[in-house]
Amino acid sequence: MSARTLAHSALILFTLFLLAIVQRTELNTFLPQFLGGLVLLYFTVQFLLWRKWVASHHEGWIRDSEAVMFVVMGVILVELTGGLGGPLSFILYLLILYLGVLLEPGISFAVAIGLLVYFFPTTEFGSLVFSNSLEIRNWKLEILLNDLLRLLSLLLMVPFALFFDRRVKR
């Protein structure tokens, strides 16, 4: 891995870490308003200011800020609609593909691992692992396997992201 890939991976993982901290505090009640503000800010800056003044001089900074914005917006949107079991969980797959093409292909693996760690405690499987009791009889095997498959499907998107990156760069 190059130093650039490691720097981008650290940036994305730090963003996910900050989102996890916000999600587990009282600030999570303001996530819909924060998401709306981010979308408004992104489109305002993107269409009014960036293309004219900033884009020609700071191309790398723009891609990094877009990557962070899309990670924040995607994860908050998926969290608000039910997590990995919600109807908009496919956004995480698109996020892995997009970041692999936008930045570097190695980012896809770091993003998939980061999302797996982020969403693991919110699943039934994660709550079983983190619980103090050893009472397993009440857990349904179907629910546990379903959660585990949803988590592992994030890792299965990495080869697709690498494939699409090679196709796009040709």
C-alpha atoms as a PDB file:
ATOM      1  CA  MET A   1       0.000   0.000   0.000  1.00  0.00           C
ATOM      2  CA  SER A   2       1.184   3.453  -0.784  1.00  0.00           C
ATOM      3  CA  ALA A   3       1.374   6.287   1.723  1.00  0.00           C
ATOM      4  CA  ARG A   4      -1.514   8.006  -0.032  1.00  0.00           C
ATOM      5  CA  THR A   5      -3.734   4.937   0.356  1.00  0.00           C
ATOM      6  CA  LEU A   6      -2.842   4.674   4.025  1.00  0.00           C
ATOM      7  CA  ALA A   7      -3.596   8.357   4.574  1.00  0.00           C
ATOM      8  CA  HIS A   8      -6.980   8.079   2.872  1.00  0.00           C
ATOM      9  CA  SER A   9      -7.770   4.903   4.820  1.00  0.00           C
ATOM     10  CA  ALA A  10      -6.877   6.614   8.094  1.00  0.00           C
ATOM     11  CA  LEU A  11      -9.075   9.592   7.174  1.00  0.00           C
ATOM     12  CA  ILE A  12     -12.091   7.400   6.399  1.00  0.00           C
ATOM     13  CA  LEU A  13     -11.594   5.218   9.495  1.00  0.00           C
ATOM     14  CA  PHE A  14     -11.254   8.325  11.678  1.00  0.00           C
ATOM     15  CA  THR A  15     -14.510   9.627  10.203  1.00  0.00           C
ATOM     16  CA  LEU A  16     -16.257   6.350  11.045  1.00  0.00           C
ATOM     17  CA  PHE A  17     -14.801   6.494  14.557  1.00  0.00           C
ATOM     18  CA  LEU A  18     -16.203   9.997  15.082  1.00  0.00           C
ATOM     19  CA  LEU A  19     -19.585   8.885  13.757  1.00  0.00           C
ATOM     20  CA  ALA A  20     -19.592   5.963  16.199  1.00  0.00           C
ATOM     21  CA  ILE A  21     -18.893   8.322  19.086  1.00  0.00           C
ATOM     22  CA  VAL A  22     -21.679  10.702  18.013  1.00  0.00           C
ATOM     23  CA  GLN A  23     -24.089   7.779  17.507  1.00  0.00           C
ATOM     24  CA  ARG A  24     -23.619   6.618  21.106  1.00  0.00           C
ATOM     25  CA  THR A  25     -24.150  10.037  22.730  1.00  0.00           C
ATOM     26  CA  GLU A  26     -27.108  12.372  23.100  1.00  0.00           C
ATOM     27  CA  LEU A  27     -26.109  14.071  19.850  1.00  0.00           C
ATOM     28  CA  ASN A  28     -27.674  11.231  17.865  1.00  0.00           C
ATOM     29  CA  THR A  29     -31.076  12.885  18.244  1.00  0.00           C
ATOM     30  CA  PHE A  30     -29.856  15.632  15.903  1.00  0.00           C
ATOM     31  CA  LEU A  31     -28.664  13.294  13.132  1.00  0.00           C
ATOM     32  CA  PRO A  32     -31.566  14.026  10.721  1.00  0.00           C
ATOM     33  CA  GLN A  33     -30.933  17.767  10.970  1.00  0.00           C
ATOM     34  CA  PHE A  34     -27.181  17.222  10.631  1.00  0.00           C
ATOM     35  CA  LEU A  35     -27.749  15.085   7.532  1.00  0.00           C
ATOM     36  CA  GLY A  36     -29.991  17.728   5.980  1.00  0.00           C
ATOM     37  CA  GLY A  37     -27.425  20.420   6.718  1.00  0.00           C
ATOM     38  CA  LEU A  38     -24.634  18.335   5.168  1.00  0.00           C
ATOM     39  CA  VAL A  39     -26.624  17.716   2.001  1.00  0.00           C
ATOM     40  CA  LEU A  40     -27.493  21.406   1.722  1.00  0.00           C
ATOM     41  CA  LEU A  41     -23.888  22.417   2.370  1.00  0.00           C
ATOM     42  CA  TYR A  42     -22.521  19.906  -0.127  1.00  0.00           C
ATOM     43  CA  PHE A  43     -24.789  20.956  -2.983  1.00  0.00           C
ATOM     44  CA  THR A  44     -24.414  24.662  -2.246  1.00  0.00           C
ATOM     45  CA  VAL A  45     -20.641  24.534  -2.209  1.00  0.00           C
ATOM     46  CA  GLN A  46     -20.407  22.060  -5.092  1.00  0.00           C
ATOM     47  CA  PHE A  47     -22.583  23.962  -7.530  1.00  0.00           C
ATOM     48  CA  LEU A  48     -21.994  27.565  -6.554  1.00  0.00           C
ATOM     49  CA  LEU A  49     -18.413  27.897  -5.401  1.00  0.00           C
ATOM     50  CA  TRP A  50     -16.192  24.913  -5.996  1.00  0.00           C
ATOM     51  CA  ARG A  51     -16.302  24.571  -9.734  1.00  0.00           C
ATOM     52  CA  LYS A  52     -15.238  28.160 -10.317  1.00  0.00           C
ATOM     53  CA  TRP A  53     -12.566  28.944  -7.749  1.00  0.00           C
ATOM     54  CA  VAL A  54     -11.305  25.914  -5.904  1.00  0.00           C
ATOM     55  CA  ALA A  55     -11.412  23.021  -8.360  1.00  0.00           C
ATOM     56  CA  SER A  56      -8.491  24.109 -10.476  1.00  0.00           C
ATOM     57  CA  HIS A  57      -6.069  24.481  -7.564  1.00  0.00           C
ATOM     58  CA  HIS A  58      -7.036  21.900  -4.946  1.00  0.00           C
ATOM     59  CA  GLU A  59      -8.214  18.752  -6.748  1.00  0.00           C
ATOM     60  CA  GLY A  60      -6.860  16.313  -4.143  1.00  0.00           C
ATOM     61  CA  TRP A  61      -8.427  18.199  -1.252  1.00  0.00           C
ATOM     62  CA  ILE A  62     -11.789  18.216  -3.013  1.00  0.00           C
ATOM     63  CA  ARG A  63     -11.751  14.439  -3.480  1.00  0.00           C
ATOM     64  CA  ASP A  64     -10.832  13.897   0.167  1.00  0.00           C
ATOM     65  CA  SER A  65     -13.591  16.192   1.411  1.00  0.00           C
ATOM     66  CA  GLU A  66     -16.116  14.550  -0.935  1.00  0.00           C
ATOM     67  CA  ALA A  67     -15.112  11.135   0.363  1.00  0.00           C
ATOM     68  CA  VAL A  68     -15.598  12.214   3.975  1.00  0.00           C
ATOM     69  CA  MET A  69     -18.944  13.882   3.156  1.00  0.00           C
ATOM     70  CA  PHE A  70     -20.259  10.802   1.368  1.00  0.00           C
ATOM     71  CA  VAL A  71     -19.152   8.498   4.191  1.00  0.00           C
ATOM     72  CA  VAL A  72     -20.889  10.688   6.771  1.00  0.00           C
ATOM     73  CA  MET A  73     -24.050  11.103   4.691  1.00  0.00           C
ATOM     74  CA  GLY A  74     -24.242   7.428   3.726  1.00  0.00           C
ATOM     75  CA  VAL A  75     -23.681   6.032   7.208  1.00  0.00           C
ATOM     76  CA  ILE A  76     -26.113   8.481   8.837  1.00  0.00           C
ATOM     77  CA  LEU A  77     -28.762   7.700   6.226  1.00  0.00           C
ATOM     78  CA  VAL A  78     -28.371   3.961   6.737  1.00  0.00           C
ATOM     79  CA  GLU A  79     -28.430   4.404  10.532  1.00  0.00           C
ATOM     80  CA  LEU A  80     -31.617   6.471  10.373  1.00  0.00           C
ATOM     81  CA  THR A  81     -33.441   3.918   8.227  1.00  0.00           C
ATOM     82  CA  GLY A  82     -32.776   0.833  10.337  1.00  0.00           C
ATOM     83  CA  GLY A  83     -29.096  -0.026  10.011  1.00  0.00           C
ATOM     84  CA  LEU A  84     -27.991  -3.062   8.051  1.00  0.00           C
ATOM     85  CA  GLY A  85     -31.521  -4.497   8.079  1.00  0.00           C
ATOM     86  CA  GLY A  86     -33.079  -1.314   6.734  1.00  0.00           C
ATOM     87  CA  PRO A  87     -34.267  -0.603   3.212  1.00  0.00           C
ATOM     88  CA  LEU A  88     -31.352   1.725   2.387  1.00  0.00           C
ATOM     89  CA  SER A  89     -28.500  -0.538   3.442  1.00  0.00           C
ATOM     90  CA  PHE A  90     -27.490  -0.906  -0.217  1.00  0.00           C
ATOM     91  CA  ILE A  91     -26.005   2.593   0.083  1.00  0.00           C
ATOM     92  CA  LEU A  92     -23.084   1.030   1.968  1.00  0.00           C
ATOM     93  CA  TYR A  93     -22.285  -1.180  -1.019  1.00  0.00           C
ATOM     94  CA  LEU A  94     -22.395   1.812  -3.348  1.00  0.00           C
ATOM     95  CA  LEU A  95     -20.200   3.719  -0.909  1.00  0.00           C
ATOM     96  CA  ILE A  96     -17.548   0.991  -1.016  1.00  0.00           C
ATOM     97  CA  LEU A  97     -17.615   0.972  -4.820  1.00  0.00           C
ATOM     98  CA  TYR A  98     -17.566   4.754  -5.102  1.00  0.00           C
ATOM     99  CA  LEU A  99     -14.661   5.296  -2.722  1.00  0.00           C
ATOM    100  CA  GLY A 100     -12.640   2.590  -4.460  1.00  0.00           C
ATOM    101  CA  VAL A 101     -13.039   4.387  -7.775  1.00  0.00           C
ATOM    102  CA  LEU A 102     -12.802   7.953  -6.422  1.00  0.00           C
ATOM    103  CA  LEU A 103      -9.645   7.553  -4.341  1.00  0.00           C
ATOM    104  CA  GLU A 104      -7.689   4.304  -4.674  1.00  0.00           C
ATOM    105  CA  PRO A 105      -8.722   0.662  -4.976  1.00  0.00           C
ATOM    106  CA  GLY A 106      -7.147  -0.232  -1.620  1.00  0.00           C
ATOM    107  CA  ILE A 107      -9.563   2.105   0.150  1.00  0.00           C
ATOM    108  CA  SER A 108     -12.403  -0.338  -0.499  1.00  0.00           C
ATOM    109  CA  PHE A 109     -10.961  -2.886   1.896  1.00  0.00           C
ATOM    110  CA  ALA A 110     -10.376  -0.323   4.649  1.00  0.00           C
ATOM    111  CA  VAL A 111     -13.883   1.088   4.236  1.00  0.00           C
ATOM    112  CA  ALA A 112     -15.435  -2.400   4.325  1.00  0.00           C
ATOM    113  CA  ILE A 113     -13.537  -3.277   7.517  1.00  0.00           C
ATOM    114  CA  GLY A 114     -14.448   0.079   9.063  1.00  0.00           C
ATOM    115  CA  LEU A 115     -18.142  -0.360   8.236  1.00  0.00           C
ATOM    116  CA  LEU A 116     -18.062  -3.915   9.561  1.00  0.00           C
ATOM    117  CA  VAL A 117     -16.622  -2.713  12.879  1.00  0.00           C
ATOM    118  CA  TYR A 118     -19.048   0.227  12.968  1.00  0.00           C
ATOM    119  CA  PHE A 119     -22.193  -1.854  12.426  1.00  0.00           C
ATOM    120  CA  PHE A 120     -21.138  -4.987  14.347  1.00  0.00           C
ATOM    121  CA  PRO A 121     -22.385  -3.816  17.784  1.00  0.00           C
ATOM    122  CA  THR A 122     -25.782  -2.832  16.328  1.00  0.00           C
ATOM    123  CA  THR A 123     -26.627  -6.346  15.102  1.00  0.00           C
ATOM    124  CA  GLU A 124     -28.120  -9.193  17.109  1.00  0.00           C
ATOM    125  CA  PHE A 125     -24.904 -11.123  16.585  1.00  0.00           C
ATOM    126  CA  GLY A 126     -22.891  -8.246  17.998  1.00  0.00           C
ATOM    127  CA  SER A 127     -25.145  -7.890  21.019  1.00  0.00           C
ATOM    128  CA  LEU A 128     -24.717 -11.620  21.683  1.00  0.00           C
ATOM    129  CA  VAL A 129     -20.937 -11.277  21.569  1.00  0.00           C
ATOM    130  CA  PHE A 130     -20.895  -8.202  23.829  1.00  0.00           C
ATOM    131  CA  SER A 131     -23.465  -9.478  26.345  1.00  0.00           C
ATOM    132  CA  ASN A 132     -22.302 -10.665  29.743  1.00  0.00           C
ATOM    133  CA  SER A 133     -24.651 -13.616  29.977  1.00  0.00           C
ATOM    134  CA  LEU A 134     -24.032 -16.957  28.349  1.00  0.00           C
ATOM    135  CA  GLU A 135     -27.731 -17.554  27.648  1.00  0.00           C
ATOM    136  CA  ILE A 136     -27.744 -18.555  23.987  1.00  0.00           C
ATOM    137  CA  ARG A 137     -30.935 -20.621  23.902  1.00  0.00           C
ATOM    138  CA  ASN A 138     -33.133 -17.543  23.382  1.00  0.00           C
ATOM    139  CA  TRP A 139     -31.310 -16.461  20.229  1.00  0.00           C
ATOM    140  CA  LYS A 140     -32.619 -17.689  16.922  1.00  0.00           C
ATOM    141  CA  LEU A 141     -29.973 -19.099  14.652  1.00  0.00           C
ATOM    142  CA  GLU A 142     -31.635 -17.573  11.582  1.00  0.00           C
ATOM    143  CA  ILE A 143     -31.331 -14.053  12.957  1.00  0.00           C
ATOM    144  CA  LEU A 144     -27.691 -14.563  13.914  1.00  0.00           C
ATOM    145  CA  LEU A 145     -26.767 -15.987  10.509  1.00  0.00           C
ATOM    146  CA  ASN A 146     -28.701 -13.239   8.732  1.00  0.00           C
ATOM    147  CA  ASP A 147     -26.767 -10.572  10.635  1.00  0.00           C
ATOM    148  CA  LEU A 148     -23.478 -12.320  10.031  1.00  0.00           C
ATOM    149  CA  LEU A 149     -24.176 -12.566   6.294  1.00  0.00           C
ATOM    150  CA  ARG A 150     -25.084  -8.879   6.126  1.00  0.00           C
ATOM    151  CA  LEU A 151     -21.803  -8.001   7.810  1.00  0.00           C
ATOM    152  CA  LEU A 152     -19.720 -10.276   5.621  1.00  0.00           C
ATOM    153  CA  SER A 153     -21.433  -9.019   2.460  1.00  0.00           C
ATOM    154  CA  LEU A 154     -19.650  -5.722   3.044  1.00  0.00           C
ATOM    155  CA  LEU A 155     -16.339  -7.544   2.642  1.00  0.00           C
ATOM    156  CA  LEU A 156     -17.593  -9.295  -0.482  1.00  0.00           C
ATOM    157  CA  MET A 157     -17.968  -5.923  -2.206  1.00  0.00           C
ATOM    158  CA  VAL A 158     -14.199  -5.345  -2.164  1.00  0.00           C
ATOM    159  CA  PRO A 159     -13.420  -7.589  -5.186  1.00  0.00           C
ATOM    160  CA  PHE A 160     -16.187  -5.858  -7.143  1.00  0.00           C
ATOM    161  CA  ALA A 161     -14.744  -2.476  -6.258  1.00  0.00           C
ATOM    162  CA  LEU A 162     -11.297  -3.589  -7.437  1.00  0.00           C
ATOM    163  CA  PHE A 163     -12.800  -4.915 -10.678  1.00  0.00           C
ATOM    164  CA  PHE A 164     -14.775  -1.730 -11.366  1.00  0.00           C
ATOM    165  CA  ASP A 165     -11.758   0.409 -10.568  1.00  0.00           C
ATOM    166  CA  ARG A 166      -9.693  -1.408 -13.183  1.00  0.00           C
ATOM    167  CA  ARG A 167     -12.511  -1.072 -15.718  1.00  0.00           C
ATOM    168  CA  VAL A 168     -13.001   2.636 -15.082  1.00  0.00           C
ATOM    169  CA  LYS A 169      -9.279   3.442 -15.227  1.00  0.00           C
ATOM    170  CA  ARG A 170      -8.866   1.791 -18.646  1.00  0.00           C
END
